[in-house]
């Protein structure tokens, strides 16, 4: 089963939250254009979740009953030229005072470096790149390197609240990288599996 592509906010959010979400998305896209001087090409999204049964056993492959929630992570993305060398990521947040803007390169050889000893918010995006790149290398060849991109993040899943904020961040990142590199059809199972493995690089056990 593929990750769905939504054309309307009504396809994503309950009716009661549509007005709030419409304002939020408009703010995100306006802020993106203000930050990068051009409109976003697309927005990647993953929701937080609750485990109705089975908290903290999902990453050990035991059964759980999860449910998606309205709170989510959004990433507005614009692509860099495909001939950019090396590929670079500009990563900003709608709350820059808490999550400062970063820029980093995507290495042409080997995995992107993640320092799990440092509590750095961009590590979760790097984890998504790492997982998505491995999946893309399987499809496109071992020399594949992701295209660069400008990214603006907005998240409403509270960190440390047991609502899988880090998993939502990594999944959104991986989806963004897959879409940026021409993969419009992303299998849900493969995305979950790569998110579980990728998030361990940050030092977090997750069920994806």
C-alpha atoms as a PDB file:
ATOM      1  CA  UNK A   1       0.000   0.000   0.000  1.00  0.00           C
ATOM      2  CA  UNK A   2       1.364   3.402  -1.006  1.00  0.00           C
ATOM      3  CA  UNK A   3       1.622   6.575   1.042  1.00  0.00           C
ATOM      4  CA  UNK A   4      -1.317   8.728  -0.187  1.00  0.00           C
ATOM      5  CA  UNK A   5      -0.935  12.073  -1.944  1.00  0.00           C
ATOM      6  CA  UNK A   6      -3.512  14.631  -0.798  1.00  0.00           C
ATOM      7  CA  UNK A   7      -4.846  17.454  -2.976  1.00  0.00           C
ATOM      8  CA  UNK A   8      -7.000  19.044  -0.285  1.00  0.00           C
ATOM      9  CA  UNK A   9      -6.625  19.645   3.446  1.00  0.00           C
ATOM     10  CA  UNK A  10     -10.058  18.044   3.825  1.00  0.00           C
ATOM     11  CA  UNK A  11      -8.413  14.777   2.758  1.00  0.00           C
ATOM     12  CA  UNK A  12      -6.036  15.007   5.702  1.00  0.00           C
ATOM     13  CA  UNK A  13      -7.676  16.746   8.651  1.00  0.00           C
ATOM     14  CA  UNK A  14     -11.033  16.459  10.432  1.00  0.00           C
ATOM     15  CA  UNK A  15     -13.562  19.146   9.594  1.00  0.00           C
ATOM     16  CA  UNK A  16     -13.322  20.748  13.035  1.00  0.00           C
ATOM     17  CA  UNK A  17      -9.643  21.609  12.526  1.00  0.00           C
ATOM     18  CA  UNK A  18      -9.729  22.726   8.887  1.00  0.00           C
ATOM     19  CA  UNK A  19      -9.780  26.481   9.540  1.00  0.00           C
ATOM     20  CA  UNK A  20      -6.821  26.265  11.917  1.00  0.00           C
ATOM     21  CA  UNK A  21      -4.867  24.011   9.564  1.00  0.00           C
ATOM     22  CA  UNK A  22      -5.595  26.202   6.538  1.00  0.00           C
ATOM     23  CA  UNK A  23      -4.114  29.204   8.362  1.00  0.00           C
ATOM     24  CA  UNK A  24      -1.124  27.121   9.477  1.00  0.00           C
ATOM     25  CA  UNK A  25      -0.360  25.871   5.970  1.00  0.00           C
ATOM     26  CA  UNK A  26      -0.717  29.354   4.500  1.00  0.00           C
ATOM     27  CA  UNK A  27       1.697  30.682   7.123  1.00  0.00           C
ATOM     28  CA  UNK A  28       4.173  27.886   6.390  1.00  0.00           C
ATOM     29  CA  UNK A  29       4.159  28.505   2.643  1.00  0.00           C
ATOM     30  CA  UNK A  30       4.394  32.287   3.048  1.00  0.00           C
ATOM     31  CA  UNK A  31       7.269  31.882   5.509  1.00  0.00           C
ATOM     32  CA  UNK A  32       9.011  29.538   3.074  1.00  0.00           C
ATOM     33  CA  UNK A  33       8.868  32.086   0.286  1.00  0.00           C
ATOM     34  CA  UNK A  34      10.033  34.804   2.652  1.00  0.00           C
ATOM     35  CA  UNK A  35      12.968  32.653   3.806  1.00  0.00           C
ATOM     36  CA  UNK A  36      14.125  31.254   0.467  1.00  0.00           C
ATOM     37  CA  UNK A  37      12.834  33.775  -2.068  1.00  0.00           C
ATOM     38  CA  UNK A  38      10.799  31.252  -4.040  1.00  0.00           C
ATOM     39  CA  UNK A  39       7.730  29.071  -3.533  1.00  0.00           C
ATOM     40  CA  UNK A  40       7.908  25.510  -2.239  1.00  0.00           C
ATOM     41  CA  UNK A  41       7.616  22.677  -4.763  1.00  0.00           C
ATOM     42  CA  UNK A  42       5.673  20.437  -2.380  1.00  0.00           C
ATOM     43  CA  UNK A  43       4.903  19.746   1.287  1.00  0.00           C
ATOM     44  CA  UNK A  44       5.702  16.471   3.013  1.00  0.00           C
ATOM     45  CA  UNK A  45       3.651  15.425   6.072  1.00  0.00           C
ATOM     46  CA  UNK A  46       3.554  12.680   8.696  1.00  0.00           C
ATOM     47  CA  UNK A  47       1.222  12.565  11.711  1.00  0.00           C
ATOM     48  CA  UNK A  48       2.036  11.761  15.290  1.00  0.00           C
ATOM     49  CA  UNK A  49       0.424   8.669  16.741  1.00  0.00           C
ATOM     50  CA  UNK A  50      -0.734   6.981  19.902  1.00  0.00           C
ATOM     51  CA  UNK A  51      -0.417   3.294  20.658  1.00  0.00           C
ATOM     52  CA  UNK A  52      -3.767   2.254  22.067  1.00  0.00           C
ATOM     53  CA  UNK A  53      -2.185  -1.058  23.065  1.00  0.00           C
ATOM     54  CA  UNK A  54       1.529  -1.862  23.130  1.00  0.00           C
ATOM     55  CA  UNK A  55       3.601   1.200  24.049  1.00  0.00           C
ATOM     56  CA  UNK A  56       7.392   0.740  23.632  1.00  0.00           C
ATOM     57  CA  UNK A  57       7.208  -2.768  22.188  1.00  0.00           C
ATOM     58  CA  UNK A  58       6.691  -1.886  18.522  1.00  0.00           C
ATOM     59  CA  UNK A  59      10.413  -1.610  17.794  1.00  0.00           C
ATOM     60  CA  UNK A  60      10.879  -5.133  19.205  1.00  0.00           C
ATOM     61  CA  UNK A  61       8.460  -6.436  16.546  1.00  0.00           C
ATOM     62  CA  UNK A  62       5.596  -7.142  18.940  1.00  0.00           C
ATOM     63  CA  UNK A  63       2.068  -6.262  17.924  1.00  0.00           C
ATOM     64  CA  UNK A  64       0.564  -2.864  18.705  1.00  0.00           C
ATOM     65  CA  UNK A  65      -2.619  -0.984  17.849  1.00  0.00           C
ATOM     66  CA  UNK A  66      -1.511   2.504  16.740  1.00  0.00           C
ATOM     67  CA  UNK A  67      -3.737   5.398  15.720  1.00  0.00           C
ATOM     68  CA  UNK A  68      -2.705   8.536  13.833  1.00  0.00           C
ATOM     69  CA  UNK A  69      -3.534  11.898  15.422  1.00  0.00           C
ATOM     70  CA  UNK A  70      -4.140  15.361  13.980  1.00  0.00           C
ATOM     71  CA  UNK A  71      -0.849  16.768  15.289  1.00  0.00           C
ATOM     72  CA  UNK A  72       1.832  16.346  12.652  1.00  0.00           C
ATOM     73  CA  UNK A  73       5.144  17.397  11.128  1.00  0.00           C
ATOM     74  CA  UNK A  74       5.132  19.435   7.911  1.00  0.00           C
ATOM     75  CA  UNK A  75       8.081  20.121   5.619  1.00  0.00           C
ATOM     76  CA  UNK A  76       7.809  22.597   2.761  1.00  0.00           C
ATOM     77  CA  UNK A  77      10.464  21.729   0.175  1.00  0.00           C
ATOM     78  CA  UNK A  78      12.016  23.326  -2.913  1.00  0.00           C
ATOM     79  CA  UNK A  79      14.578  21.491  -5.025  1.00  0.00           C
ATOM     80  CA  UNK A  80      18.075  22.644  -5.872  1.00  0.00           C
ATOM     81  CA  UNK A  81      19.447  22.264  -9.426  1.00  0.00           C
ATOM     82  CA  UNK A  82      20.228  18.632 -10.207  1.00  0.00           C
ATOM     83  CA  UNK A  83      23.802  19.555 -11.212  1.00  0.00           C
ATOM     84  CA  UNK A  84      24.634  21.094  -7.815  1.00  0.00           C
ATOM     85  CA  UNK A  85      27.879  19.592  -6.510  1.00  0.00           C
ATOM     86  CA  UNK A  86      28.022  18.770  -3.698  1.00  0.00           C
ATOM     87  CA  UNK A  87      24.320  18.475  -2.916  1.00  0.00           C
ATOM     88  CA  UNK A  88      23.358  20.749  -0.024  1.00  0.00           C
ATOM     89  CA  UNK A  89      20.408  20.964   2.347  1.00  0.00           C
ATOM     90  CA  UNK A  90      19.254  24.269   3.844  1.00  0.00           C
ATOM     91  CA  UNK A  91      17.071  23.423   6.832  1.00  0.00           C
ATOM     92  CA  UNK A  92      15.000  26.033   8.665  1.00  0.00           C
ATOM     93  CA  UNK A  93      12.207  25.929  11.226  1.00  0.00           C
ATOM     94  CA  UNK A  94       9.210  28.196  11.801  1.00  0.00           C
ATOM     95  CA  UNK A  95      10.582  28.550  15.356  1.00  0.00           C
ATOM     96  CA  UNK A  96      14.211  29.526  14.620  1.00  0.00           C
ATOM     97  CA  UNK A  97      14.811  30.754  18.166  1.00  0.00           C
ATOM     98  CA  UNK A  98      14.437  27.158  19.369  1.00  0.00           C
ATOM     99  CA  UNK A  99      15.577  25.307  16.243  1.00  0.00           C
ATOM    100  CA  UNK A 100      18.329  27.325  14.516  1.00  0.00           C
ATOM    101  CA  UNK A 101      18.814  27.217  10.765  1.00  0.00           C
ATOM    102  CA  UNK A 102      21.416  24.764   9.521  1.00  0.00           C
ATOM    103  CA  UNK A 103      23.133  23.948   6.232  1.00  0.00           C
ATOM    104  CA  UNK A 104      24.972  20.731   5.441  1.00  0.00           C
ATOM    105  CA  UNK A 105      26.248  18.719   2.489  1.00  0.00           C
ATOM    106  CA  UNK A 106      25.091  15.290   1.375  1.00  0.00           C
ATOM    107  CA  UNK A 107      28.260  13.215   0.894  1.00  0.00           C
ATOM    108  CA  UNK A 108      28.815  11.583  -2.493  1.00  0.00           C
ATOM    109  CA  UNK A 109      30.244   8.494  -0.768  1.00  0.00           C
ATOM    110  CA  UNK A 110      29.110   6.792   2.417  1.00  0.00           C
ATOM    111  CA  UNK A 111      26.392   7.691   4.917  1.00  0.00           C
ATOM    112  CA  UNK A 112      25.637  11.218   6.022  1.00  0.00           C
ATOM    113  CA  UNK A 113      27.305  11.824   9.391  1.00  0.00           C
ATOM    114  CA  UNK A 114      25.089  11.914  12.484  1.00  0.00           C
ATOM    115  CA  UNK A 115      26.530  12.691  15.909  1.00  0.00           C
ATOM    116  CA  UNK A 116      24.151  10.874  18.261  1.00  0.00           C
ATOM    117  CA  UNK A 117      25.963  12.311  21.297  1.00  0.00           C
ATOM    118  CA  UNK A 118      24.694  15.790  20.418  1.00  0.00           C
ATOM    119  CA  UNK A 119      21.049  16.754  20.909  1.00  0.00           C
ATOM    120  CA  UNK A 120      20.684  18.453  17.516  1.00  0.00           C
ATOM    121  CA  UNK A 121      17.300  18.789  15.846  1.00  0.00           C
ATOM    122  CA  UNK A 122      18.676  18.387  12.329  1.00  0.00           C
ATOM    123  CA  UNK A 123      19.890  14.866  13.176  1.00  0.00           C
ATOM    124  CA  UNK A 124      16.345  13.627  12.613  1.00  0.00           C
ATOM    125  CA  UNK A 125      16.305  15.055   9.099  1.00  0.00           C
ATOM    126  CA  UNK A 126      19.698  13.502   8.433  1.00  0.00           C
ATOM    127  CA  UNK A 127      18.322  10.166   9.633  1.00  0.00           C
ATOM    128  CA  UNK A 128      15.540  10.459   7.061  1.00  0.00           C
ATOM    129  CA  UNK A 129      18.051  11.235   4.313  1.00  0.00           C
ATOM    130  CA  UNK A 130      20.187   8.268   5.348  1.00  0.00           C
ATOM    131  CA  UNK A 131      17.296   5.817   5.202  1.00  0.00           C
ATOM    132  CA  UNK A 132      15.755   7.195   2.021  1.00  0.00           C
ATOM    133  CA  UNK A 133      19.137   7.284   0.269  1.00  0.00           C
ATOM    134  CA  UNK A 134      19.722   3.592   0.963  1.00  0.00           C
ATOM    135  CA  UNK A 135      16.327   2.737  -0.474  1.00  0.00           C
ATOM    136  CA  UNK A 136      16.964   4.934  -3.511  1.00  0.00           C
ATOM    137  CA  UNK A 137      20.402   3.391  -4.030  1.00  0.00           C
ATOM    138  CA  UNK A 138      18.749  -0.021  -4.226  1.00  0.00           C
ATOM    139  CA  UNK A 139      16.540   1.288  -7.038  1.00  0.00           C
ATOM    140  CA  UNK A 140      18.885   3.696  -8.831  1.00  0.00           C
ATOM    141  CA  UNK A 141      22.332   2.219  -8.193  1.00  0.00           C
ATOM    142  CA  UNK A 142      24.945   2.438  -5.433  1.00  0.00           C
ATOM    143  CA  UNK A 143      26.382   5.740  -6.731  1.00  0.00           C
ATOM    144  CA  UNK A 144      23.083   7.594  -6.334  1.00  0.00           C
ATOM    145  CA  UNK A 145      23.272  10.850  -4.331  1.00  0.00           C
ATOM    146  CA  UNK A 146      20.173  12.803  -3.301  1.00  0.00           C
ATOM    147  CA  UNK A 147      19.417  16.152  -4.875  1.00  0.00           C
ATOM    148  CA  UNK A 148      19.873  19.199  -2.637  1.00  0.00           C
ATOM    149  CA  UNK A 149      16.899  21.085  -1.238  1.00  0.00           C
ATOM    150  CA  UNK A 150      15.594  24.002   0.797  1.00  0.00           C
ATOM    151  CA  UNK A 151      13.351  22.909   3.667  1.00  0.00           C
ATOM    152  CA  UNK A 152      11.136  24.699   6.181  1.00  0.00           C
ATOM    153  CA  UNK A 153       9.752  22.641   9.080  1.00  0.00           C
ATOM    154  CA  UNK A 154       6.654  23.111  11.208  1.00  0.00           C
ATOM    155  CA  UNK A 155       5.688  20.536  13.818  1.00  0.00           C
ATOM    156  CA  UNK A 156       2.801  20.328  16.265  1.00  0.00           C
ATOM    157  CA  UNK A 157       3.590  16.925  17.789  1.00  0.00           C
ATOM    158  CA  UNK A 158       4.920  17.675  21.304  1.00  0.00           C
ATOM    159  CA  UNK A 159       8.384  16.225  21.890  1.00  0.00           C
ATOM    160  CA  UNK A 160       8.688  13.782  24.739  1.00  0.00           C
ATOM    161  CA  UNK A 161       4.929  13.377  24.968  1.00  0.00           C
ATOM    162  CA  UNK A 162       4.708   9.764  23.877  1.00  0.00           C
ATOM    163  CA  UNK A 163       3.172  10.737  20.542  1.00  0.00           C
ATOM    164  CA  UNK A 164       6.071   9.647  18.322  1.00  0.00           C
ATOM    165  CA  UNK A 165       7.314  13.128  17.445  1.00  0.00           C
ATOM    166  CA  UNK A 166      10.740  11.866  16.395  1.00  0.00           C
ATOM    167  CA  UNK A 167       9.252   9.094  14.251  1.00  0.00           C
ATOM    168  CA  UNK A 168       6.970  11.636  12.565  1.00  0.00           C
ATOM    169  CA  UNK A 169       9.979  13.869  11.873  1.00  0.00           C
ATOM    170  CA  UNK A 170      12.057  11.050  10.381  1.00  0.00           C
ATOM    171  CA  UNK A 171       9.156   9.764   8.274  1.00  0.00           C
ATOM    172  CA  UNK A 172       8.437  13.269   6.964  1.00  0.00           C
ATOM    173  CA  UNK A 173      12.117  13.724   6.124  1.00  0.00           C
ATOM    174  CA  UNK A 174      12.337  10.397   4.312  1.00  0.00           C
ATOM    175  CA  UNK A 175       9.164  11.157   2.360  1.00  0.00           C
ATOM    176  CA  UNK A 176      10.548  14.555   1.388  1.00  0.00           C
ATOM    177  CA  UNK A 177      13.788  13.020   0.109  1.00  0.00           C
ATOM    178  CA  UNK A 178      11.943  10.325  -1.831  1.00  0.00           C
ATOM    179  CA  UNK A 179       9.620  12.863  -3.458  1.00  0.00           C
ATOM    180  CA  UNK A 180      12.479  15.273  -4.206  1.00  0.00           C
ATOM    181  CA  UNK A 181      14.251  12.499  -6.091  1.00  0.00           C
ATOM    182  CA  UNK A 182      11.302  11.575  -8.278  1.00  0.00           C
ATOM    183  CA  UNK A 183       9.692   8.816  -6.244  1.00  0.00           C
ATOM    184  CA  UNK A 184       5.980   9.608  -6.276  1.00  0.00           C
ATOM    185  CA  UNK A 185       4.898   6.124  -5.144  1.00  0.00           C
ATOM    186  CA  UNK A 186       6.292   5.261  -1.702  1.00  0.00           C
ATOM    187  CA  UNK A 187       5.367   1.955  -0.096  1.00  0.00           C
ATOM    188  CA  UNK A 188       4.108   2.368   3.484  1.00  0.00           C
ATOM    189  CA  UNK A 189       5.800  -0.785   4.750  1.00  0.00           C
ATOM    190  CA  UNK A 190       9.182   0.127   3.286  1.00  0.00           C
ATOM    191  CA  UNK A 191       8.894   3.662   4.660  1.00  0.00           C
ATOM    192  CA  UNK A 192       8.120   2.298   8.130  1.00  0.00           C
ATOM    193  CA  UNK A 193      11.015  -0.149   8.019  1.00  0.00           C
ATOM    194  CA  UNK A 194      13.559   2.445   6.881  1.00  0.00           C
ATOM    195  CA  UNK A 195      12.327   4.922   9.520  1.00  0.00           C
ATOM    196  CA  UNK A 196      12.757   2.355  12.296  1.00  0.00           C
ATOM    197  CA  UNK A 197      16.335   1.595  11.269  1.00  0.00           C
ATOM    198  CA  UNK A 198      17.265   5.203  10.443  1.00  0.00           C
ATOM    199  CA  UNK A 199      16.105   6.639  13.746  1.00  0.00           C
ATOM    200  CA  UNK A 200      18.509   4.383  15.624  1.00  0.00           C
ATOM    201  CA  UNK A 201      21.333   6.517  14.206  1.00  0.00           C
ATOM    202  CA  UNK A 202      20.012   9.367  16.380  1.00  0.00           C
ATOM    203  CA  UNK A 203      20.015   7.090  19.406  1.00  0.00           C
ATOM    204  CA  UNK A 204      16.258   6.472  19.526  1.00  0.00           C
ATOM    205  CA  UNK A 205      14.382   3.157  19.399  1.00  0.00           C
ATOM    206  CA  UNK A 206      11.228   3.672  17.412  1.00  0.00           C
ATOM    207  CA  UNK A 207       8.441   1.711  15.813  1.00  0.00           C
ATOM    208  CA  UNK A 208       8.460   4.002  12.761  1.00  0.00           C
END
